[in-house]
Amino acid sequence: MFMLNLILSSILYVMGVLIFVMTRKHLLSMLLSLEYIVLSLFLLLLIYLNLIEFESFFSMMFLIFSVCEGALGISILVSMIRTYGNDYFQSLNIL
């Protein structure tokens, strides 16, 4: 049962990375795929912590940091939409 959960969460992580690589046009779709990757990593973390019978305090810290990452991504998205009018990466001039 443990190996099945490990393989499933690894497949979820790889699918999230593939979606992240394939959807480079919009910032919102990239942020959603990053959150999907974070959730699959959280699942991997829970499986690992249950395997070694460790406390779940570290998983709560991981969730706190992932929520902060999501809030920063949303603030960047709002700032970009207010400045450029859309969330296309092609409209950015990074010089």
N, C-alpha and C. Protein backbone atom coordinates (compact mmCIF):
# COMPACT_ATOMS: atom_id res chain seq x y z
N MET A 1 0.83 -1.20 0.00
CA MET A 1 0.00 0.00 0.00
C MET A 1 0.87 1.26 0.00
N PHE A 2 2.00 1.19 0.73
CA PHE A 2 2.89 2.35 0.79
C PHE A 2 3.47 2.66 -0.58
N MET A 3 3.91 1.62 -1.29
CA MET A 3 4.51 1.84 -2.61
C MET A 3 3.49 2.40 -3.59
N LEU A 4 2.24 1.99 -3.48
CA LEU A 4 1.21 2.50 -4.37
C LEU A 4 0.99 3.99 -4.12
N ASN A 5 0.95 4.41 -2.86
CA ASN A 5 0.80 5.83 -2.54
C ASN A 5 2.00 6.63 -3.00
N LEU A 6 3.18 6.08 -2.85
CA LEU A 6 4.40 6.76 -3.28
C LEU A 6 4.44 6.93 -4.79
N ILE A 7 4.08 5.90 -5.51
CA ILE A 7 4.06 5.97 -6.98
C ILE A 7 3.00 6.94 -7.45
N LEU A 8 1.83 6.92 -6.82
CA LEU A 8 0.75 7.83 -7.20
C LEU A 8 1.13 9.29 -6.98
N SER A 9 1.73 9.60 -5.85
CA SER A 9 2.11 10.98 -5.58
C SER A 9 3.26 11.41 -6.48
N SER A 10 4.14 10.49 -6.84
CA SER A 10 5.22 10.83 -7.77
C SER A 10 4.67 11.11 -9.16
N ILE A 11 3.69 10.34 -9.59
CA ILE A 11 3.04 10.59 -10.88
C ILE A 11 2.33 11.93 -10.87
N LEU A 12 1.68 12.27 -9.77
CA LEU A 12 1.02 13.57 -9.65
C LEU A 12 2.02 14.71 -9.75
N TYR A 13 3.19 14.54 -9.14
CA TYR A 13 4.24 15.56 -9.20
C TYR A 13 4.75 15.74 -10.63
N VAL A 14 5.01 14.64 -11.31
CA VAL A 14 5.51 14.71 -12.69
C VAL A 14 4.47 15.33 -13.61
N MET A 15 3.21 15.01 -13.41
CA MET A 15 2.15 15.63 -14.22
C MET A 15 2.08 17.13 -13.97
N GLY A 16 2.25 17.55 -12.73
CA GLY A 16 2.26 18.98 -12.42
C GLY A 16 3.41 19.70 -13.07
N VAL A 17 4.59 19.08 -13.08
CA VAL A 17 5.76 19.70 -13.72
C VAL A 17 5.54 19.78 -15.23
N LEU A 18 4.98 18.74 -15.83
CA LEU A 18 4.69 18.78 -17.26
C LEU A 18 3.69 19.87 -17.61
N ILE A 19 2.66 20.03 -16.80
CA ILE A 19 1.68 21.09 -17.04
C ILE A 19 2.33 22.45 -16.88
N PHE A 20 3.22 22.59 -15.91
CA PHE A 20 3.93 23.86 -15.71
C PHE A 20 4.79 24.20 -16.91
N VAL A 21 5.46 23.22 -17.46
CA VAL A 21 6.33 23.46 -18.61
C VAL A 21 5.52 23.75 -19.87
N MET A 22 4.38 23.11 -20.02
CA MET A 22 3.59 23.27 -21.24
C MET A 22 2.76 24.55 -21.27
N THR A 23 2.41 25.08 -20.12
CA THR A 23 1.56 26.28 -20.08
C THR A 23 2.38 27.48 -19.64
N ARG A 24 3.14 28.01 -20.57
CA ARG A 24 3.99 29.15 -20.26
C ARG A 24 3.41 30.47 -20.77
N LYS A 25 2.19 30.45 -21.27
CA LYS A 25 1.64 31.65 -21.88
C LYS A 25 1.01 32.58 -20.86
N HIS A 26 0.24 32.04 -19.95
CA HIS A 26 -0.48 32.84 -18.96
C HIS A 26 0.12 32.63 -17.57
N LEU A 27 0.18 33.71 -16.81
CA LEU A 27 0.69 33.63 -15.44
C LEU A 27 -0.28 32.88 -14.54
N LEU A 28 -1.57 33.04 -14.75
CA LEU A 28 -2.55 32.36 -13.90
C LEU A 28 -2.47 30.85 -14.03
N SER A 29 -2.33 30.35 -15.24
CA SER A 29 -2.22 28.89 -15.42
C SER A 29 -0.92 28.37 -14.83
N MET A 30 0.15 29.16 -14.89
CA MET A 30 1.40 28.74 -14.26
C MET A 30 1.27 28.71 -12.74
N LEU A 31 0.57 29.68 -12.17
CA LEU A 31 0.36 29.70 -10.72
C LEU A 31 -0.49 28.51 -10.28
N LEU A 32 -1.51 28.17 -11.06
CA LEU A 32 -2.33 27.01 -10.72
C LEU A 32 -1.54 25.71 -10.78
N SER A 33 -0.68 25.59 -11.78
CA SER A 33 0.12 24.37 -11.85
C SER A 33 1.16 24.32 -10.73
N LEU A 34 1.68 25.48 -10.32
CA LEU A 34 2.60 25.49 -9.17
C LEU A 34 1.89 25.06 -7.89
N GLU A 35 0.66 25.49 -7.71
CA GLU A 35 -0.10 25.05 -6.53
C GLU A 35 -0.39 23.56 -6.58
N TYR A 36 -0.61 23.03 -7.78
CA TYR A 36 -0.81 21.59 -7.93
C TYR A 36 0.45 20.84 -7.55
N ILE A 37 1.62 21.37 -7.95
CA ILE A 37 2.89 20.76 -7.59
C ILE A 37 3.09 20.79 -6.09
N VAL A 38 2.73 21.91 -5.46
CA VAL A 38 2.89 22.03 -4.01
C VAL A 38 1.99 21.03 -3.29
N LEU A 39 0.77 20.84 -3.77
CA LEU A 39 -0.12 19.86 -3.14
C LEU A 39 0.39 18.44 -3.30
N SER A 40 0.96 18.12 -4.47
CA SER A 40 1.51 16.78 -4.64
C SER A 40 2.75 16.58 -3.76
N LEU A 41 3.55 17.62 -3.59
CA LEU A 41 4.69 17.52 -2.67
C LEU A 41 4.22 17.38 -1.22
N PHE A 42 3.10 18.04 -0.89
CA PHE A 42 2.55 17.89 0.46
C PHE A 42 2.08 16.46 0.69
N LEU A 43 1.49 15.85 -0.33
CA LEU A 43 1.08 14.45 -0.21
C LEU A 43 2.29 13.55 -0.03
N LEU A 44 3.36 13.81 -0.78
CA LEU A 44 4.60 13.05 -0.61
C LEU A 44 5.16 13.23 0.79
N LEU A 45 5.11 14.45 1.31
CA LEU A 45 5.62 14.73 2.65
C LEU A 45 4.82 13.99 3.71
N LEU A 46 3.50 13.98 3.56
CA LEU A 46 2.67 13.25 4.53
C LEU A 46 2.94 11.76 4.50
N ILE A 47 3.11 11.21 3.31
CA ILE A 47 3.42 9.79 3.21
C ILE A 47 4.75 9.48 3.88
N TYR A 48 5.74 10.32 3.62
CA TYR A 48 7.06 10.10 4.21
C TYR A 48 7.03 10.25 5.73
N LEU A 49 6.34 11.28 6.23
CA LEU A 49 6.28 11.48 7.68
C LEU A 49 5.52 10.36 8.38
N ASN A 50 4.50 9.81 7.72
CA ASN A 50 3.80 8.67 8.30
C ASN A 50 4.66 7.41 8.28
N LEU A 51 5.54 7.32 7.29
CA LEU A 51 6.42 6.15 7.20
C LEU A 51 7.41 6.12 8.35
N ILE A 52 8.01 7.26 8.66
CA ILE A 52 9.01 7.27 9.72
C ILE A 52 8.41 7.61 11.08
N GLU A 53 7.08 7.70 11.15
CA GLU A 53 6.34 7.97 12.39
C GLU A 53 6.84 9.23 13.07
N PHE A 54 6.88 10.31 12.28
CA PHE A 54 7.33 11.60 12.76
C PHE A 54 6.13 12.49 12.99
N GLU A 55 6.31 13.55 13.77
CA GLU A 55 5.21 14.45 14.04
C GLU A 55 4.84 15.25 12.78
N SER A 56 3.64 15.77 12.75
CA SER A 56 3.16 16.49 11.59
C SER A 56 3.40 18.00 11.67
N PHE A 57 4.26 18.42 12.57
CA PHE A 57 4.55 19.85 12.71
C PHE A 57 5.20 20.40 11.45
N PHE A 58 6.10 19.64 10.86
CA PHE A 58 6.78 20.10 9.65
C PHE A 58 5.80 20.25 8.49
N SER A 59 4.79 19.40 8.44
CA SER A 59 3.80 19.52 7.36
C SER A 59 2.99 20.80 7.51
N MET A 60 2.73 21.21 8.75
CA MET A 60 2.02 22.48 8.96
C MET A 60 2.88 23.66 8.53
N MET A 61 4.18 23.59 8.80
CA MET A 61 5.09 24.64 8.34
C MET A 61 5.15 24.68 6.82
N PHE A 62 5.14 23.52 6.19
CA PHE A 62 5.12 23.45 4.72
C PHE A 62 3.86 24.09 4.17
N LEU A 63 2.73 23.84 4.80
CA LEU A 63 1.47 24.44 4.35
C LEU A 63 1.49 25.95 4.53
N ILE A 64 2.08 26.45 5.61
CA ILE A 64 2.17 27.88 5.84
C ILE A 64 3.00 28.54 4.74
N PHE A 65 4.15 27.93 4.41
CA PHE A 65 4.99 28.50 3.36
C PHE A 65 4.33 28.41 1.99
N SER A 66 3.56 27.36 1.74
CA SER A 66 2.89 27.25 0.45
C SER A 66 1.76 28.27 0.33
N VAL A 67 1.09 28.58 1.42
CA VAL A 67 0.06 29.63 1.38
C VAL A 67 0.70 30.99 1.14
N CYS A 68 1.84 31.24 1.76
CA CYS A 68 2.57 32.50 1.52
C CYS A 68 3.01 32.59 0.06
N GLU A 69 3.46 31.49 -0.51
CA GLU A 69 3.85 31.47 -1.91
C GLU A 69 2.66 31.75 -2.82
N GLY A 70 1.52 31.20 -2.49
CA GLY A 70 0.32 31.46 -3.28
C GLY A 70 -0.12 32.91 -3.19
N ALA A 71 -0.03 33.50 -2.00
CA ALA A 71 -0.41 34.90 -1.84
C ALA A 71 0.54 35.82 -2.60
N LEU A 72 1.82 35.51 -2.60
CA LEU A 72 2.78 36.31 -3.37
C LEU A 72 2.51 36.19 -4.87
N GLY A 73 2.18 34.99 -5.33
CA GLY A 73 1.86 34.80 -6.74
C GLY A 73 0.63 35.57 -7.16
N ILE A 74 -0.40 35.57 -6.33
CA ILE A 74 -1.61 36.32 -6.64
C ILE A 74 -1.34 37.82 -6.65
N SER A 75 -0.50 38.29 -5.73
CA SER A 75 -0.18 39.73 -5.71
C SER A 75 0.61 40.13 -6.95
N ILE A 76 1.51 39.27 -7.41
CA ILE A 76 2.24 39.55 -8.65
C ILE A 76 1.29 39.54 -9.83
N LEU A 77 0.33 38.62 -9.84
CA LEU A 77 -0.66 38.56 -10.92
C LEU A 77 -1.50 39.82 -10.96
N VAL A 78 -1.97 40.29 -9.81
CA VAL A 78 -2.79 41.51 -9.76
C VAL A 78 -1.98 42.72 -10.18
N SER A 79 -0.73 42.80 -9.73
CA SER A 79 0.13 43.91 -10.12
C SER A 79 0.39 43.91 -11.62
N MET A 80 0.60 42.75 -12.19
CA MET A 80 0.86 42.64 -13.62
C MET A 80 -0.37 43.01 -14.44
N ILE A 81 -1.54 42.59 -13.99
CA ILE A 81 -2.77 42.92 -14.72
C ILE A 81 -3.06 44.41 -14.64
N ARG A 82 -2.79 45.02 -13.49
CA ARG A 82 -3.00 46.46 -13.37
C ARG A 82 -2.02 47.25 -14.22
N THR A 83 -0.80 46.76 -14.36
CA THR A 83 0.21 47.48 -15.11
C THR A 83 0.08 47.27 -16.61
N TYR A 84 -0.05 46.01 -17.05
CA TYR A 84 -0.04 45.69 -18.47
C TYR A 84 -1.42 45.42 -19.05
N GLY A 85 -2.40 45.14 -18.23
CA GLY A 85 -3.75 44.89 -18.73
C GLY A 85 -4.05 43.43 -19.02
N ASN A 86 -3.06 42.55 -18.97
CA ASN A 86 -3.28 41.12 -19.19
C ASN A 86 -2.22 40.33 -18.43
N ASP A 87 -2.30 39.01 -18.54
CA ASP A 87 -1.31 38.18 -17.84
C ASP A 87 -0.45 37.37 -18.81
N TYR A 88 -0.29 37.88 -20.03
CA TYR A 88 0.59 37.23 -20.99
C TYR A 88 2.05 37.54 -20.66
N PHE A 89 2.90 36.53 -20.77
CA PHE A 89 4.31 36.78 -20.55
C PHE A 89 4.96 37.48 -21.72
N GLN A 90 4.34 37.41 -22.89
CA GLN A 90 4.92 38.04 -24.07
C GLN A 90 4.82 39.55 -24.02
N SER A 91 3.92 40.08 -23.19
CA SER A 91 3.75 41.53 -23.12
C SER A 91 4.74 42.17 -22.15
N LEU A 92 5.54 41.36 -21.44
CA LEU A 92 6.51 41.91 -20.49
C LEU A 92 7.77 42.33 -21.22
N ASN A 93 8.34 43.43 -20.80
CA ASN A 93 9.64 43.86 -21.27
C ASN A 93 10.59 43.84 -20.10
N ILE A 94 11.39 42.80 -20.00
CA ILE A 94 12.33 42.67 -18.91
C ILE A 94 13.70 43.06 -19.43
N LEU A 95 14.04 44.30 -19.30
CA LEU A 95 15.34 44.78 -19.78
C LEU A 95 16.13 45.34 -18.63
